[in-house]
Amino acid sequence: MHGGTLMNELPQLASLLKSRNTIDHKIASLIGHPTQVQSVGEYIASVIFGITLSELTTNKNSDGRFTRGPLQGHTVDVQWYPRREGILHLKTDPLPDYYLRCPDRQRYKYYRSALGTR
């Protein structure tokens, strides 16, 4: 692309960024934290699995505690990857009681297939 072509695309880019900022602000208001992939994943996991999230600055070894079921009271570190990534960030000082890894869509389909569920 030439400089002139790029310059013509700046208004469209500015419009898209404005839209994204509006959406990010609405998401941050909903979840009560800055809109980052990990914060969104922690929020979703907290709703689905009954986890009370720790304050971001007070607890670095886990994201929160289960509030119901057989894991009630146990600490959990949520790992959410919306894209295919083979990474798991382990916290070791001290270890959380459990890790909850929420896979990307393709890996989720693989897990369901491997387990024979639909």
Protein backbone atom coordinates (compact mmCIF):
# COMPACT_ATOMS: atom_id res chain seq x y z
CA MET A 1 0.00 0.00 0.00
CA HIS A 2 1.10 3.53 -0.61
CA GLY A 3 1.05 6.33 1.92
CA GLY A 4 -1.93 7.97 0.23
CA THR A 5 -4.00 4.80 0.44
CA LEU A 6 -3.17 4.39 4.11
CA MET A 7 -4.07 8.02 4.78
CA ASN A 8 -7.50 7.44 3.22
CA GLU A 9 -8.12 4.56 5.64
CA LEU A 10 -7.46 6.59 8.79
CA PRO A 11 -11.03 7.90 9.16
CA GLN A 12 -12.37 4.33 8.99
CA LEU A 13 -9.78 3.18 11.52
CA ALA A 14 -10.69 6.07 13.83
CA SER A 15 -14.37 5.14 13.59
CA LEU A 16 -13.66 1.49 14.40
CA LEU A 17 -11.49 2.45 17.38
CA LYS A 18 -14.24 4.71 18.67
CA SER A 19 -16.71 1.82 18.42
CA ARG A 20 -14.31 -0.54 20.17
CA ASN A 21 -13.72 1.97 22.97
CA THR A 22 -17.48 2.30 23.47
CA ILE A 23 -17.88 -1.49 23.65
CA ASP A 24 -14.88 -1.86 26.00
CA HIS A 25 -16.35 0.79 28.31
CA LYS A 26 -19.70 -1.03 28.42
CA ILE A 27 -18.00 -4.37 29.15
CA ALA A 28 -15.85 -2.81 31.90
CA SER A 29 -18.98 -1.31 33.48
CA LEU A 30 -20.68 -4.71 33.41
CA ILE A 31 -17.83 -6.77 34.87
CA GLY A 32 -16.43 -4.10 37.19
CA HIS A 33 -12.86 -4.42 35.89
CA PRO A 34 -10.84 -3.17 32.93
CA THR A 35 -11.70 -4.94 29.70
CA GLN A 36 -8.91 -7.44 29.28
CA VAL A 37 -9.25 -11.00 28.03
CA GLN A 38 -8.37 -12.50 31.41
CA SER A 39 -10.75 -10.23 33.35
CA VAL A 40 -13.63 -11.13 31.03
CA GLY A 41 -12.83 -14.85 31.38
CA GLU A 42 -12.69 -14.59 35.17
CA TYR A 43 -16.06 -12.84 35.22
CA ILE A 44 -17.68 -15.49 33.00
CA ALA A 45 -16.19 -18.32 35.10
CA SER A 46 -17.37 -16.64 38.32
CA VAL A 47 -20.96 -16.55 37.08
CA ILE A 48 -20.99 -20.10 35.65
CA PHE A 49 -19.03 -21.88 38.40
CA GLY A 50 -19.99 -19.83 41.46
CA ILE A 51 -16.64 -18.21 42.17
CA THR A 52 -16.20 -15.13 44.32
CA LEU A 53 -13.39 -13.20 42.69
CA SER A 54 -10.60 -11.73 44.80
CA GLU A 55 -9.68 -8.09 44.54
CA LEU A 56 -7.03 -7.69 41.81
CA THR A 57 -4.45 -6.15 44.14
CA THR A 58 -4.93 -8.29 47.22
CA ASN A 59 -4.52 -11.86 46.05
CA LYS A 60 -1.95 -12.84 43.46
CA ASN A 61 -1.96 -16.63 43.99
CA SER A 62 -5.56 -17.24 42.92
CA ASP A 63 -8.43 -15.45 41.23
CA GLY A 64 -10.99 -16.35 43.86
CA ARG A 65 -12.83 -19.07 45.76
CA PHE A 66 -15.63 -21.44 44.85
CA THR A 67 -18.81 -20.51 46.73
CA ARG A 68 -20.89 -23.66 46.22
CA GLY A 69 -20.70 -27.36 45.52
CA PRO A 70 -18.03 -29.83 46.56
CA LEU A 71 -15.23 -27.30 45.92
CA GLN A 72 -16.78 -24.62 48.13
CA GLY A 73 -14.09 -22.59 49.91
CA HIS A 74 -11.24 -23.82 47.71
CA THR A 75 -9.11 -21.32 45.79
CA VAL A 76 -9.10 -21.30 42.00
CA ASP A 77 -6.98 -19.73 39.28
CA VAL A 78 -8.96 -19.11 36.09
CA GLN A 79 -7.16 -19.44 32.77
CA TRP A 80 -9.22 -18.34 29.76
CA TYR A 81 -7.87 -18.48 26.23
CA PRO A 82 -10.27 -17.34 23.49
CA ARG A 83 -7.71 -18.31 20.85
CA ARG A 84 -5.82 -21.53 20.37
CA GLU A 85 -2.92 -21.33 22.82
CA GLY A 86 -1.11 -24.23 24.41
CA ILE A 87 -0.06 -22.20 27.43
CA LEU A 88 -0.96 -22.61 31.09
CA HIS A 89 0.39 -20.00 33.50
CA LEU A 90 1.08 -21.76 36.78
CA LYS A 91 1.16 -19.80 40.01
CA THR A 92 3.38 -21.47 42.55
CA ASP A 93 3.75 -19.27 45.63
CA PRO A 94 1.44 -20.54 47.02
CA LEU A 95 -0.39 -22.83 44.65
CA PRO A 96 -4.13 -22.33 44.25
CA ASP A 97 -6.19 -25.38 45.15
CA TYR A 98 -7.49 -25.69 41.56
CA TYR A 99 -6.87 -24.39 38.07
CA LEU A 100 -9.85 -23.78 35.81
CA ARG A 101 -8.80 -23.66 32.16
CA CYS A 102 -11.45 -22.47 29.75
CA PRO A 103 -10.34 -23.53 26.26
CA ASP A 104 -10.79 -21.88 22.92
CA ARG A 105 -13.73 -23.00 20.78
CA GLN A 106 -11.75 -25.51 18.67
CA ARG A 107 -10.15 -27.15 21.70
CA TYR A 108 -13.56 -27.24 23.42
CA LYS A 109 -14.98 -29.16 20.44
CA TYR A 110 -12.01 -31.56 20.64
CA TYR A 111 -12.55 -32.17 24.37
CA ARG A 112 -16.25 -32.84 23.86
CA SER A 113 -15.51 -35.21 21.00
CA ALA A 114 -12.82 -37.04 23.00
CA LEU A 115 -15.20 -37.43 25.95
CA GLY A 116 -18.04 -38.62 23.73
CA THR A 117 -20.35 -35.75 24.69
CA ARG A 118 -22.27 -33.37 22.48
